Amino acid sequence: MIIGESLTRDNMSSYGYSVNTTPWAKSTSKDGNLILLKNPFSCWASTIGALNYALTEKSQYNDVDVSKATTIVEVAKKNGYKVSWISNQQKYDFPTGIIADISDRKYWVNQYLGQKNQFFKLR
């Protein structure tokens, strides 16, 4: 699963934008190997709020306390998947840092700024 936050479909060529901004998504959706949601929307105006809802069982339709909500990482691991978390966010950005911390391997892009040969060295 890939999440591109702070992105609007209005600027994605896979949704008809004239500049070729998402060539992989555009070509892969045409061959049936990627499902593009027809009417995607965010459940929250800010990134942290949206990720609270997108990565846990918490939603605008329930009263689940986000601190007690089951996460997508927990579900994946319970079903036998090894989870690698690659993020451009800060390492301890809450709540994503807490969710990421239970992943099997983590990589924080900004942690290695200015260092050579560190790209995608997962711990």
PDB file of N, CA and C in Angstrom:
ATOM      1  N   MET A   1       0.854  -1.163   0.000  1.00  0.00           N
ATOM      2  CA  MET A   1       0.000   0.000   0.000  1.00  0.00           C
ATOM      3  C   MET A   1       0.904   1.230   0.000  1.00  0.00           C
ATOM      4  N   ILE A   2       0.560   2.180  -0.826  1.00  0.00           N
ATOM      5  CA  ILE A   2       1.296   3.441  -0.889  1.00  0.00           C
ATOM      6  C   ILE A   2       0.315   4.564  -0.582  1.00  0.00           C
ATOM      7  N   ILE A   3       0.684   5.419   0.345  1.00  0.00           N
ATOM      8  CA  ILE A   3      -0.152   6.569   0.679  1.00  0.00           C
ATOM      9  C   ILE A   3       0.605   7.822   0.272  1.00  0.00           C
ATOM     10  N   GLY A   4      -0.014   8.631  -0.566  1.00  0.00           N
ATOM     11  CA  GLY A   4       0.561   9.916  -0.948  1.00  0.00           C
ATOM     12  C   GLY A   4      -0.272  11.011  -0.324  1.00  0.00           C
ATOM     13  N   GLU A   5       0.166  11.505   0.809  1.00  0.00           N
ATOM     14  CA  GLU A   5      -0.628  12.535   1.472  1.00  0.00           C
ATOM     15  C   GLU A   5      -0.280  13.917   0.919  1.00  0.00           C
ATOM     16  N   SER A   6      -1.113  14.878   1.217  1.00  0.00           N
ATOM     17  CA  SER A   6      -0.951  16.243   0.706  1.00  0.00           C
ATOM     18  C   SER A   6      -0.961  16.258  -0.818  1.00  0.00           C
ATOM     19  N   LEU A   7      -1.850  15.503  -1.370  1.00  0.00           N
ATOM     20  CA  LEU A   7      -1.952  15.351  -2.812  1.00  0.00           C
ATOM     21  C   LEU A   7      -3.407  15.503  -3.204  1.00  0.00           C
ATOM     22  N   THR A   8      -3.641  16.124  -4.327  1.00  0.00           N
ATOM     23  CA  THR A   8      -5.002  16.243  -4.828  1.00  0.00           C
ATOM     24  C   THR A   8      -5.104  15.574  -6.185  1.00  0.00           C
ATOM     25  N   ARG A   9      -6.214  14.883  -6.423  1.00  0.00           N
ATOM     26  CA  ARG A   9      -6.387  14.203  -7.701  1.00  0.00           C
ATOM     27  C   ARG A   9      -6.428  15.195  -8.860  1.00  0.00           C
ATOM     28  N   ASP A  10      -6.712  16.465  -8.572  1.00  0.00           N
ATOM     29  CA  ASP A  10      -6.742  17.492  -9.624  1.00  0.00           C
ATOM     30  C   ASP A  10      -5.387  17.658 -10.302  1.00  0.00           C
ATOM     31  N   ASN A  11      -4.295  17.240  -9.640  1.00  0.00           N
ATOM     32  CA  ASN A  11      -2.952  17.353 -10.200  1.00  0.00           C
ATOM     33  C   ASN A  11      -2.345  15.999 -10.561  1.00  0.00           C
ATOM     34  N   MET A  12      -3.194  15.002 -10.791  1.00  0.00           N
ATOM     35  CA  MET A  12      -2.720  13.663 -11.121  1.00  0.00           C
ATOM     36  C   MET A  12      -3.160  13.294 -12.543  1.00  0.00           C
ATOM     37  N   SER A  13      -2.184  12.974 -13.400  1.00  0.00           N
ATOM     38  CA  SER A  13      -2.523  12.611 -14.782  1.00  0.00           C
ATOM     39  C   SER A  13      -3.368  11.343 -14.842  1.00  0.00           C
ATOM     40  N   SER A  14      -3.257  10.485 -13.836  1.00  0.00           N
ATOM     41  CA  SER A  14      -4.081   9.278 -13.812  1.00  0.00           C
ATOM     42  C   SER A  14      -5.565   9.609 -13.680  1.00  0.00           C
ATOM     43  N   TYR A  15      -5.876  10.823 -13.258  1.00  0.00           N
ATOM     44  CA  TYR A  15      -7.257  11.295 -13.176  1.00  0.00           C
ATOM     45  C   TYR A  15      -7.581  12.347 -14.241  1.00  0.00           C
ATOM     46  N   GLY A  16      -6.710  12.493 -15.230  1.00  0.00           N
ATOM     47  CA  GLY A  16      -7.014  13.379 -16.342  1.00  0.00           C
ATOM     48  C   GLY A  16      -6.262  14.693 -16.387  1.00  0.00           C
ATOM     49  N   TYR A  17      -5.396  14.964 -15.431  1.00  0.00           N
ATOM     50  CA  TYR A  17      -4.599  16.191 -15.444  1.00  0.00           C
ATOM     51  C   TYR A  17      -3.695  16.171 -16.679  1.00  0.00           C
ATOM     52  N   SER A  18      -3.516  17.303 -17.345  1.00  0.00           N
ATOM     53  CA  SER A  18      -2.812  17.342 -18.630  1.00  0.00           C
ATOM     54  C   SER A  18      -1.305  17.090 -18.537  1.00  0.00           C
ATOM     55  N   VAL A  19      -0.684  17.384 -17.391  1.00  0.00           N
ATOM     56  CA  VAL A  19       0.749  17.132 -17.215  1.00  0.00           C
ATOM     57  C   VAL A  19       0.921  15.689 -16.722  1.00  0.00           C
ATOM     58  N   ASN A  20       1.908  14.985 -17.240  1.00  0.00           N
ATOM     59  CA  ASN A  20       2.106  13.578 -16.903  1.00  0.00           C
ATOM     60  C   ASN A  20       2.769  13.432 -15.529  1.00  0.00           C
ATOM     61  N   THR A  21       1.994  13.670 -14.484  1.00  0.00           N
ATOM     62  CA  THR A  21       2.517  13.672 -13.120  1.00  0.00           C
ATOM     63  C   THR A  21       2.502  12.294 -12.454  1.00  0.00           C
ATOM     64  N   THR A  22       1.662  11.394 -12.929  1.00  0.00           N
ATOM     65  CA  THR A  22       1.560  10.052 -12.335  1.00  0.00           C
ATOM     66  C   THR A  22       1.598   8.987 -13.431  1.00  0.00           C
ATOM     67  N   PRO A  23       2.707   8.902 -14.164  1.00  0.00           N
ATOM     68  CA  PRO A  23       2.759   7.986 -15.305  1.00  0.00           C
ATOM     69  C   PRO A  23       2.573   6.515 -14.926  1.00  0.00           C
ATOM     70  N   TRP A  24       3.180   6.089 -13.828  1.00  0.00           N
ATOM     71  CA  TRP A  24       3.040   4.692 -13.429  1.00  0.00           C
ATOM     72  C   TRP A  24       1.583   4.365 -13.092  1.00  0.00           C
ATOM     73  N   ALA A  25       0.959   5.199 -12.287  1.00  0.00           N
ATOM     74  CA  ALA A  25      -0.438   4.959 -11.903  1.00  0.00           C
ATOM     75  C   ALA A  25      -1.354   4.990 -13.126  1.00  0.00           C
ATOM     76  N   LYS A  26      -1.099   5.909 -14.021  1.00  0.00           N
ATOM     77  CA  LYS A  26      -1.932   6.022 -15.224  1.00  0.00           C
ATOM     78  C   LYS A  26      -1.823   4.763 -16.077  1.00  0.00           C
ATOM     79  N   SER A  27      -0.611   4.303 -16.349  1.00  0.00           N
ATOM     80  CA  SER A  27      -0.434   3.119 -17.205  1.00  0.00           C
ATOM     81  C   SER A  27      -0.876   1.842 -16.498  1.00  0.00           C
ATOM     82  N   THR A  28      -0.599   1.733 -15.199  1.00  0.00           N
ATOM     83  CA  THR A  28      -0.955   0.521 -14.464  1.00  0.00           C
ATOM     84  C   THR A  28      -2.460   0.394 -14.285  1.00  0.00           C
ATOM     85  N   SER A  29      -3.151   1.508 -14.140  1.00  0.00           N
ATOM     86  CA  SER A  29      -4.615   1.431 -13.999  1.00  0.00           C
ATOM     87  C   SER A  29      -5.261   1.012 -15.319  1.00  0.00           C
ATOM     88  N   LYS A  30      -4.647   1.370 -16.432  1.00  0.00           N
ATOM     89  CA  LYS A  30      -5.197   0.986 -17.741  1.00  0.00           C
ATOM     90  C   LYS A  30      -5.100  -0.514 -17.986  1.00  0.00           C
ATOM     91  N   ASP A  31      -4.053  -1.170 -17.452  1.00  0.00           N
ATOM     92  CA  ASP A  31      -3.925  -2.619 -17.676  1.00  0.00           C
ATOM     93  C   ASP A  31      -4.618  -3.444 -16.584  1.00  0.00           C
ATOM     94  N   GLY A  32      -5.335  -2.781 -15.680  1.00  0.00           N
ATOM     95  CA  GLY A  32      -6.133  -3.484 -14.686  1.00  0.00           C
ATOM     96  C   GLY A  32      -5.394  -3.915 -13.430  1.00  0.00           C
ATOM     97  N   ASN A  33      -4.138  -3.501 -13.268  1.00  0.00           N
ATOM     98  CA  ASN A  33      -3.361  -3.903 -12.095  1.00  0.00           C
ATOM     99  C   ASN A  33      -3.365  -2.874 -10.972  1.00  0.00           C
ATOM    100  N   LEU A  34      -4.134  -1.824 -11.131  1.00  0.00           N
ATOM    101  CA  LEU A  34      -4.260  -0.796 -10.108  1.00  0.00           C
ATOM    102  C   LEU A  34      -5.687  -0.290 -10.141  1.00  0.00           C
ATOM    103  N   ILE A  35      -6.293  -0.160  -9.001  1.00  0.00           N
ATOM    104  CA  ILE A  35      -7.657   0.361  -8.926  1.00  0.00           C
ATOM    105  C   ILE A  35      -7.591   1.820  -8.500  1.00  0.00           C
ATOM    106  N   LEU A  36      -8.068   2.694  -9.357  1.00  0.00           N
ATOM    107  CA  LEU A  36      -8.165   4.113  -9.014  1.00  0.00           C
ATOM    108  C   LEU A  36      -9.575   4.373  -8.510  1.00  0.00           C
ATOM    109  N   LEU A  37      -9.675   4.903  -7.318  1.00  0.00           N
ATOM    110  CA  LEU A  37     -10.993   5.241  -6.792  1.00  0.00           C
ATOM    111  C   LEU A  37     -11.568   6.396  -7.600  1.00  0.00           C
ATOM    112  N   LYS A  38     -12.830   6.280  -7.954  1.00  0.00           N
ATOM    113  CA  LYS A  38     -13.451   7.303  -8.808  1.00  0.00           C
ATOM    114  C   LYS A  38     -13.717   8.604  -8.068  1.00  0.00           C
ATOM    115  N   ASN A  39     -14.066   8.534  -6.811  1.00  0.00           N
ATOM    116  CA  ASN A  39     -14.389   9.738  -6.044  1.00  0.00           C
ATOM    117  C   ASN A  39     -13.631   9.752  -4.715  1.00  0.00           C
ATOM    118  N   PRO A  40     -12.307   9.817  -4.769  1.00  0.00           N
ATOM    119  CA  PRO A  40     -11.559   9.803  -3.506  1.00  0.00           C
ATOM    120  C   PRO A  40     -11.721  11.130  -2.763  1.00  0.00           C
ATOM    121  N   PHE A  41     -11.742  11.035  -1.449  1.00  0.00           N
ATOM    122  CA  PHE A  41     -11.795  12.249  -0.636  1.00  0.00           C
ATOM    123  C   PHE A  41     -11.131  11.953   0.696  1.00  0.00           C
ATOM    124  N   SER A  42     -10.748  12.983   1.363  1.00  0.00           N
ATOM    125  CA  SER A  42     -10.130  12.844   2.668  1.00  0.00           C
ATOM    126  C   SER A  42     -11.199  12.972   3.744  1.00  0.00           C
ATOM    127  N   CYS A  43     -11.019  12.214   4.806  1.00  0.00           N
ATOM    128  CA  CYS A  43     -11.969  12.270   5.918  1.00  0.00           C
ATOM    129  C   CYS A  43     -11.601  13.362   6.920  1.00  0.00           C
ATOM    130  N   TRP A  44     -10.520  14.076   6.641  1.00  0.00           N
ATOM    131  CA  TRP A  44     -10.055  15.109   7.566  1.00  0.00           C
ATOM    132  C   TRP A  44      -9.262  16.134   6.769  1.00  0.00           C
ATOM    133  N   ALA A  45      -9.247  17.370   7.203  1.00  0.00           N
ATOM    134  CA  ALA A  45      -8.563  18.427   6.460  1.00  0.00           C
ATOM    135  C   ALA A  45      -7.050  18.421   6.666  1.00  0.00           C
ATOM    136  N   SER A  46      -6.577  17.935   7.813  1.00  0.00           N
ATOM    137  CA  SER A  46      -5.128  17.916   8.069  1.00  0.00           C
ATOM    138  C   SER A  46      -4.577  16.503   7.909  1.00  0.00           C
ATOM    139  N   THR A  47      -3.280  16.421   7.643  1.00  0.00           N
ATOM    140  CA  THR A  47      -2.628  15.127   7.439  1.00  0.00           C
ATOM    141  C   THR A  47      -2.741  14.235   8.671  1.00  0.00           C
ATOM    142  N   ILE A  48      -2.435  14.749   9.845  1.00  0.00           N
ATOM    143  CA  ILE A  48      -2.452  13.926  11.049  1.00  0.00           C
ATOM    144  C   ILE A  48      -3.851  13.385  11.314  1.00  0.00           C
ATOM    145  N   GLY A  49      -4.849  14.217  11.195  1.00  0.00           N
ATOM    146  CA  GLY A  49      -6.225  13.758  11.388  1.00  0.00           C
ATOM    147  C   GLY A  49      -6.634  12.704  10.370  1.00  0.00           C
ATOM    148  N   ALA A  50      -6.269  12.934   9.119  1.00  0.00           N
ATOM    149  CA  ALA A  50      -6.618  11.980   8.059  1.00  0.00           C
ATOM    150  C   ALA A  50      -5.925  10.643   8.277  1.00  0.00           C
ATOM    151  N   LEU A  51      -4.657  10.658   8.673  1.00  0.00           N
ATOM    152  CA  LEU A  51      -3.937   9.407   8.906  1.00  0.00           C
ATOM    153  C   LEU A  51      -4.454   8.671  10.133  1.00  0.00           C
ATOM    154  N   ASN A  52      -4.923   9.394  11.149  1.00  0.00           N
ATOM    155  CA  ASN A  52      -5.580   8.747  12.286  1.00  0.00           C
ATOM    156  C   ASN A  52      -6.702   7.841  11.795  1.00  0.00           C
ATOM    157  N   TYR A  53      -7.486   8.354  10.881  1.00  0.00           N
ATOM    158  CA  TYR A  53      -8.647   7.622  10.376  1.00  0.00           C
ATOM    159  C   TYR A  53      -8.257   6.595   9.313  1.00  0.00           C
ATOM    160  N   ALA A  54      -7.323   6.932   8.459  1.00  0.00           N
ATOM    161  CA  ALA A  54      -6.962   6.042   7.353  1.00  0.00           C
ATOM    162  C   ALA A  54      -6.178   4.813   7.808  1.00  0.00           C
ATOM    163  N   LEU A  55      -5.413   4.937   8.867  1.00  0.00           N
ATOM    164  CA  LEU A  55      -4.529   3.848   9.283  1.00  0.00           C
ATOM    165  C   LEU A  55      -5.021   3.080  10.510  1.00  0.00           C
ATOM    166  N   THR A  56      -6.192   3.457  11.021  1.00  0.00           N
ATOM    167  CA  THR A  56      -6.764   2.754  12.172  1.00  0.00           C
ATOM    168  C   THR A  56      -8.249   2.501  11.921  1.00  0.00           C
ATOM    169  N   GLU A  57      -8.856   1.804  12.849  1.00  0.00           N
ATOM    170  CA  GLU A  57     -10.289   1.551  12.732  1.00  0.00           C
ATOM    171  C   GLU A  57     -11.130   2.780  13.089  1.00  0.00           C
ATOM    172  N   LYS A  58     -10.498   3.824  13.592  1.00  0.00           N
ATOM    173  CA  LYS A  58     -11.201   5.065  13.922  1.00  0.00           C
ATOM    174  C   LYS A  58     -11.792   5.674  12.665  1.00  0.00           C
ATOM    175  N   SER A  59     -12.994   6.193  12.761  1.00  0.00           N
ATOM    176  CA  SER A  59     -13.605   6.896  11.630  1.00  0.00           C
ATOM    177  C   SER A  59     -14.534   7.982  12.149  1.00  0.00           C
ATOM    178  N   GLN A  60     -15.024   8.770  11.239  1.00  0.00           N
ATOM    179  CA  GLN A  60     -15.963   9.816  11.618  1.00  0.00           C
ATOM    180  C   GLN A  60     -17.329   9.234  11.974  1.00  0.00           C
ATOM    181  N   TYR A  61     -17.482   7.924  11.786  1.00  0.00           N
ATOM    182  CA  TYR A  61     -18.770   7.273  12.035  1.00  0.00           C
ATOM    183  C   TYR A  61     -18.788   6.441  13.306  1.00  0.00           C
ATOM    184  N   ASN A  62     -17.694   6.397  14.053  1.00  0.00           N
ATOM    185  CA  ASN A  62     -17.694   5.605  15.288  1.00  0.00           C
ATOM    186  C   ASN A  62     -17.080   6.408  16.431  1.00  0.00           C
ATOM    187  N   ASP A  63     -17.202   5.853  17.626  1.00  0.00           N
ATOM    188  CA  ASP A  63     -16.681   6.516  18.819  1.00  0.00           C
ATOM    189  C   ASP A  63     -15.415   5.858  19.342  1.00  0.00           C
ATOM    190  N   VAL A  64     -14.698   5.120  18.484  1.00  0.00           N
ATOM    191  CA  VAL A  64     -13.481   4.436  18.901  1.00  0.00           C
ATOM    192  C   VAL A  64     -12.417   5.472  19.256  1.00  0.00           C
ATOM    193  N   ASP A  65     -11.801   5.293  20.419  1.00  0.00           N
ATOM    194  CA  ASP A  65     -10.697   6.165  20.836  1.00  0.00           C
ATOM    195  C   ASP A  65      -9.487   5.799  19.985  1.00  0.00           C
ATOM    196  N   VAL A  66      -8.927   6.754  19.257  1.00  0.00           N
ATOM    197  CA  VAL A  66      -7.824   6.472  18.340  1.00  0.00           C
ATOM    198  C   VAL A  66      -6.629   5.833  19.050  1.00  0.00           C
ATOM    199  N   SER A  67      -6.426   6.137  20.323  1.00  0.00           N
ATOM    200  CA  SER A  67      -5.307   5.543  21.056  1.00  0.00           C
ATOM    201  C   SER A  67      -5.532   4.053  21.336  1.00  0.00           C
ATOM    202  N   LYS A  68      -6.766   3.590  21.207  1.00  0.00           N
ATOM    203  CA  LYS A  68      -7.084   2.180  21.441  1.00  0.00           C
ATOM    204  C   LYS A  68      -7.492   1.462  20.147  1.00  0.00           C
ATOM    205  N   ALA A  69      -7.493   2.183  19.047  1.00  0.00           N
ATOM    206  CA  ALA A  69      -7.945   1.632  17.772  1.00  0.00           C
ATOM    207  C   ALA A  69      -6.919   0.665  17.180  1.00  0.00           C
ATOM    208  N   THR A  70      -7.405  -0.407  16.580  1.00  0.00           N
ATOM    209  CA  THR A  70      -6.540  -1.351  15.869  1.00  0.00           C
ATOM    210  C   THR A  70      -6.006  -0.657  14.623  1.00  0.00           C
ATOM    211  N   THR A  71      -4.722  -0.866  14.336  1.00  0.00           N
ATOM    212  CA  THR A  71      -4.086  -0.212  13.181  1.00  0.00           C
ATOM    213  C   THR A  71      -3.981  -1.174  12.000  1.00  0.00           C
ATOM    214  N   ILE A  72      -3.792  -0.614  10.829  1.00  0.00           N
ATOM    215  CA  ILE A  72      -3.612  -1.418   9.624  1.00  0.00           C
ATOM    216  C   ILE A  72      -2.342  -2.261   9.711  1.00  0.00           C
ATOM    217  N   VAL A  73      -1.325  -1.758  10.401  1.00  0.00           N
ATOM    218  CA  VAL A  73      -0.088  -2.516  10.584  1.00  0.00           C
ATOM    219  C   VAL A  73      -0.357  -3.743  11.460  1.00  0.00           C
ATOM    220  N   GLU A  74      -1.115  -3.580  12.510  1.00  0.00           N
ATOM    221  CA  GLU A  74      -1.461  -4.715  13.372  1.00  0.00           C
ATOM    222  C   GLU A  74      -2.246  -5.778  12.609  1.00  0.00           C
ATOM    223  N   VAL A  75      -3.183  -5.347  11.787  1.00  0.00           N
ATOM    224  CA  VAL A  75      -3.980  -6.282  10.992  1.00  0.00           C
ATOM    225  C   VAL A  75      -3.089  -7.048  10.014  1.00  0.00           C
ATOM    226  N   ALA A  76      -2.195  -6.334   9.332  1.00  0.00           N
ATOM    227  CA  ALA A  76      -1.293  -6.980   8.371  1.00  0.00           C
ATOM    228  C   ALA A  76      -0.401  -8.005   9.065  1.00  0.00           C
ATOM    229  N   LYS A  77       0.184  -7.625  10.197  1.00  0.00           N
ATOM    230  CA  LYS A  77       1.069  -8.542  10.917  1.00  0.00           C
ATOM    231  C   LYS A  77       0.308  -9.755  11.441  1.00  0.00           C
ATOM    232  N   LYS A  78      -0.897  -9.545  11.925  1.00  0.00           N
ATOM    233  CA  LYS A  78      -1.725 -10.653  12.423  1.00  0.00           C
ATOM    234  C   LYS A  78      -2.033 -11.649  11.308  1.00  0.00           C
ATOM    235  N   ASN A  79      -2.051 -11.177  10.072  1.00  0.00           N
ATOM    236  CA  ASN A  79      -2.329 -12.025   8.921  1.00  0.00           C
ATOM    237  C   ASN A  79      -1.065 -12.541   8.238  1.00  0.00           C
ATOM    238  N   GLY A  80       0.067 -12.427   8.925  1.00  0.00           N
ATOM    239  CA  GLY A  80       1.296 -13.045   8.451  1.00  0.00           C
ATOM    240  C   GLY A  80       2.183 -12.191   7.561  1.00  0.00           C
ATOM    241  N   TYR A  81       1.834 -10.934   7.356  1.00  0.00           N
ATOM    242  CA  TYR A  81       2.662 -10.063   6.524  1.00  0.00           C
ATOM    243  C   TYR A  81       3.802  -9.470   7.331  1.00  0.00           C
ATOM    244  N   LYS A  82       4.948  -9.295   6.687  1.00  0.00           N
ATOM    245  CA  LYS A  82       6.038  -8.513   7.238  1.00  0.00           C
ATOM    246  C   LYS A  82       5.813  -7.092   6.750  1.00  0.00           C
ATOM    247  N   VAL A  83       5.851  -6.147   7.648  1.00  0.00           N
ATOM    248  CA  VAL A  83       5.521  -4.764   7.300  1.00  0.00           C
ATOM    249  C   VAL A  83       6.775  -3.902   7.309  1.00  0.00           C
ATOM    250  N   SER A  84       7.030  -3.242   6.192  1.00  0.00           N
ATOM    251  CA  SER A  84       8.107  -2.257   6.091  1.00  0.00           C
ATOM    252  C   SER A  84       7.475  -0.886   5.979  1.00  0.00           C
ATOM    253  N   TRP A  85       7.947   0.028   6.781  1.00  0.00           N
ATOM    254  CA  TRP A  85       7.401   1.390   6.811  1.00  0.00           C
ATOM    255  C   TRP A  85       8.462   2.331   6.283  1.00  0.00           C
ATOM    256  N   ILE A  86       8.173   2.999   5.179  1.00  0.00           N
ATOM    257  CA  ILE A  86       9.077   3.984   4.595  1.00  0.00           C
ATOM    258  C   ILE A  86       8.341   5.317   4.631  1.00  0.00           C
ATOM    259  N   SER A  87       8.922   6.308   5.268  1.00  0.00           N
ATOM    260  CA  SER A  87       8.203   7.568   5.449  1.00  0.00           C
ATOM    261  C   SER A  87       9.096   8.775   5.212  1.00  0.00           C
ATOM    262  N   ASN A  88       8.500   9.803   4.664  1.00  0.00           N
ATOM    263  CA  ASN A  88       9.163  11.086   4.500  1.00  0.00           C
ATOM    264  C   ASN A  88       8.814  12.017   5.666  1.00  0.00           C
ATOM    265  N   GLN A  89       7.978  11.545   6.558  1.00  0.00           N
ATOM    266  CA  GLN A  89       7.604  12.335   7.726  1.00  0.00           C
ATOM    267  C   GLN A  89       8.702  12.242   8.775  1.00  0.00           C
ATOM    268  N   GLN A  90       8.575  13.044   9.802  1.00  0.00           N
ATOM    269  CA  GLN A  90       9.535  12.983  10.895  1.00  0.00           C
ATOM    270  C   GLN A  90       9.357  11.661  11.636  1.00  0.00           C
ATOM    271  N   LYS A  91      10.442  11.178  12.198  1.00  0.00           N
ATOM    272  CA  LYS A  91      10.437   9.866  12.841  1.00  0.00           C
ATOM    273  C   LYS A  91       9.386   9.739  13.938  1.00  0.00           C
ATOM    274  N   TYR A  92       9.214  10.746  14.741  1.00  0.00           N
ATOM    275  CA  TYR A  92       8.282  10.630  15.864  1.00  0.00           C
ATOM    276  C   TYR A  92       7.065  11.529  15.684  1.00  0.00           C
ATOM    277  N   ASP A  93       6.638  11.677  14.467  1.00  0.00           N
ATOM    278  CA  ASP A  93       5.442  12.449  14.165  1.00  0.00           C
ATOM    279  C   ASP A  93       4.237  11.631  14.597  1.00  0.00           C
ATOM    280  N   PHE A  94       3.481  12.135  15.535  1.00  0.00           N
ATOM    281  CA  PHE A  94       2.335  11.390  16.042  1.00  0.00           C
ATOM    282  C   PHE A  94       1.118  11.653  15.185  1.00  0.00           C
ATOM    283  N   PRO A  95       0.237  10.703  14.986  1.00  0.00           N
ATOM    284  CA  PRO A  95       0.212   9.333  15.509  1.00  0.00           C
ATOM    285  C   PRO A  95       0.941   8.340  14.600  1.00  0.00           C
ATOM    286  N   THR A  96       1.379   8.811  13.445  1.00  0.00           N
ATOM    287  CA  THR A  96       1.992   7.887  12.488  1.00  0.00           C
ATOM    288  C   THR A  96       3.251   7.240  13.036  1.00  0.00           C
ATOM    289  N   GLY A  97       4.001   7.943  13.855  1.00  0.00           N
ATOM    290  CA  GLY A  97       5.207   7.363  14.450  1.00  0.00           C
ATOM    291  C   GLY A  97       4.889   6.186  15.346  1.00  0.00           C
ATOM    292  N   ILE A  98       3.795   6.282  16.080  1.00  0.00           N
ATOM    293  CA  ILE A  98       3.365   5.184  16.948  1.00  0.00           C
ATOM    294  C   ILE A  98       2.930   3.991  16.102  1.00  0.00           C
ATOM    295  N   ILE A  99       2.179   4.246  15.051  1.00  0.00           N
ATOM    296  CA  ILE A  99       1.730   3.176  14.158  1.00  0.00           C
ATOM    297  C   ILE A  99       2.930   2.555  13.455  1.00  0.00           C
ATOM    298  N   ALA A 100       3.825   3.377  12.963  1.00  0.00           N
ATOM    299  CA  ALA A 100       5.014   2.886  12.261  1.00  0.00           C
ATOM    300  C   ALA A 100       5.899   2.051  13.174  1.00  0.00           C
ATOM    301  N   ASP A 101       5.963   2.416  14.433  1.00  0.00           N
ATOM    302  CA  ASP A 101       6.862   1.757  15.361  1.00  0.00           C
ATOM    303  C   ASP A 101       6.583   0.263  15.513  1.00  0.00           C
ATOM    304  N   ILE A 102       5.371  -0.176  15.251  1.00  0.00           N
ATOM    305  CA  ILE A 102       5.062  -1.600  15.375  1.00  0.00           C
ATOM    306  C   ILE A 102       5.352  -2.366  14.082  1.00  0.00           C
ATOM    307  N   SER A 103       5.800  -1.655  13.047  1.00  0.00           N
ATOM    308  CA  SER A 103       6.200  -2.314  11.798  1.00  0.00           C
ATOM    309  C   SER A 103       7.461  -3.138  12.036  1.00  0.00           C
ATOM    310  N   ASP A 104       7.681  -4.121  11.170  1.00  0.00           N
ATOM    311  CA  ASP A 104       8.862  -4.970  11.304  1.00  0.00           C
ATOM    312  C   ASP A 104      10.139  -4.218  10.951  1.00  0.00           C
ATOM    313  N   ARG A 105      10.074  -3.396   9.913  1.00  0.00           N
ATOM    314  CA  ARG A 105      11.232  -2.609   9.482  1.00  0.00           C
ATOM    315  C   ARG A 105      10.759  -1.188   9.228  1.00  0.00           C
ATOM    316  N   LYS A 106      11.599  -0.211   9.576  1.00  0.00           N
ATOM    317  CA  LYS A 106      11.237   1.204   9.417  1.00  0.00           C
ATOM    318  C   LYS A 106      12.362   1.955   8.741  1.00  0.00           C
ATOM    319  N   TYR A 107      11.990   2.890   7.902  1.00  0.00           N
ATOM    320  CA  TYR A 107      12.978   3.750   7.261  1.00  0.00           C
ATOM    321  C   TYR A 107      12.411   5.161   7.226  1.00  0.00           C
ATOM    322  N   TRP A 108      13.118   6.095   7.826  1.00  0.00           N
ATOM    323  CA  TRP A 108      12.705   7.489   7.882  1.00  0.00           C
ATOM    324  C   TRP A 108      13.603   8.275   6.937  1.00  0.00           C
ATOM    325  N   VAL A 109      13.085   8.681   5.791  1.00  0.00           N
ATOM    326  CA  VAL A 109      13.864   9.349   4.753  1.00  0.00           C
ATOM    327  C   VAL A 109      14.628  10.540   5.307  1.00  0.00           C
ATOM    328  N   ASN A 110      13.980  11.385   6.058  1.00  0.00           N
ATOM    329  CA  ASN A 110      14.626  12.606   6.549  1.00  0.00           C
ATOM    330  C   ASN A 110      15.687  12.345   7.606  1.00  0.00           C
ATOM    331  N   GLN A 111      15.715  11.153   8.184  1.00  0.00           N
ATOM    332  CA  GLN A 111      16.725  10.820   9.182  1.00  0.00           C
ATOM    333  C   GLN A 111      18.113  10.756   8.562  1.00  0.00           C
ATOM    334  N   TYR A 112      18.187  10.460   7.260  1.00  0.00           N
ATOM    335  CA  TYR A 112      19.468  10.256   6.597  1.00  0.00           C
ATOM    336  C   TYR A 112      19.858  11.387   5.648  1.00  0.00           C
ATOM    337  N   LEU A 113      19.231  12.532   5.758  1.00  0.00           N
ATOM    338  CA  LEU A 113      19.566  13.642   4.883  1.00  0.00           C
ATOM    339  C   LEU A 113      21.052  13.970   4.994  1.00  0.00           C
ATOM    340  N   GLY A 114      21.722  14.097   3.858  1.00  0.00           N
ATOM    341  CA  GLY A 114      23.123  14.455   3.834  1.00  0.00           C
ATOM    342  C   GLY A 114      24.074  13.277   3.966  1.00  0.00           C
ATOM    343  N   GLN A 115      23.532  12.075   4.172  1.00  0.00           N
ATOM    344  CA  GLN A 115      24.379  10.891   4.282  1.00  0.00           C
ATOM    345  C   GLN A 115      24.318  10.103   2.985  1.00  0.00           C
ATOM    346  N   LYS A 116      25.431   9.534   2.584  1.00  0.00           N
ATOM    347  CA  LYS A 116      25.477   8.760   1.344  1.00  0.00           C
ATOM    348  C   LYS A 116      25.130   7.299   1.616  1.00  0.00           C
ATOM    349  N   ASN A 117      24.604   6.635   0.584  1.00  0.00           N
ATOM    350  CA  ASN A 117      24.349   5.196   0.590  1.00  0.00           C
ATOM    351  C   ASN A 117      23.402   4.743   1.694  1.00  0.00           C
ATOM    352  N   GLN A 118      22.485   5.572   2.112  1.00  0.00           N
ATOM    353  CA  GLN A 118      21.535   5.181   3.151  1.00  0.00           C
ATOM    354  C   GLN A 118      20.126   4.969   2.591  1.00  0.00           C
ATOM    355  N   PHE A 119      19.905   5.308   1.342  1.00  0.00           N
ATOM    356  CA  PHE A 119      18.565   5.236   0.800  1.00  0.00           C
ATOM    357  C   PHE A 119      18.035   3.809   0.829  1.00  0.00           C
ATOM    358  N   PHE A 120      16.917   3.613   1.454  1.00  0.00           N
ATOM    359  CA  PHE A 120      16.207   2.334   1.589  1.00  0.00           C
ATOM    360  C   PHE A 120      17.012   1.260   2.314  1.00  0.00           C
ATOM    361  N   LYS A 121      17.879   1.661   3.218  1.00  0.00           N
ATOM    362  CA  LYS A 121      18.502   0.690   4.113  1.00  0.00           C
ATOM    363  C   LYS A 121      17.545   0.524   5.275  1.00  0.00           C
ATOM    364  N   LEU A 122      16.725  -0.502   5.205  1.00  0.00           N
ATOM    365  CA  LEU A 122      15.721  -0.709   6.241  1.00  0.00           C
ATOM    366  C   LEU A 122      16.339  -1.367   7.468  1.00  0.00           C
ATOM    367  N   ARG A 123      15.895  -0.928   8.644  1.00  0.00           N
ATOM    368  CA  ARG A 123      16.374  -1.562   9.864  1.00  0.00           C
ATOM    369  C   ARG A 123      15.441  -2.703  10.227  1.00  0.00           C
TER     370      ARG A 123
END
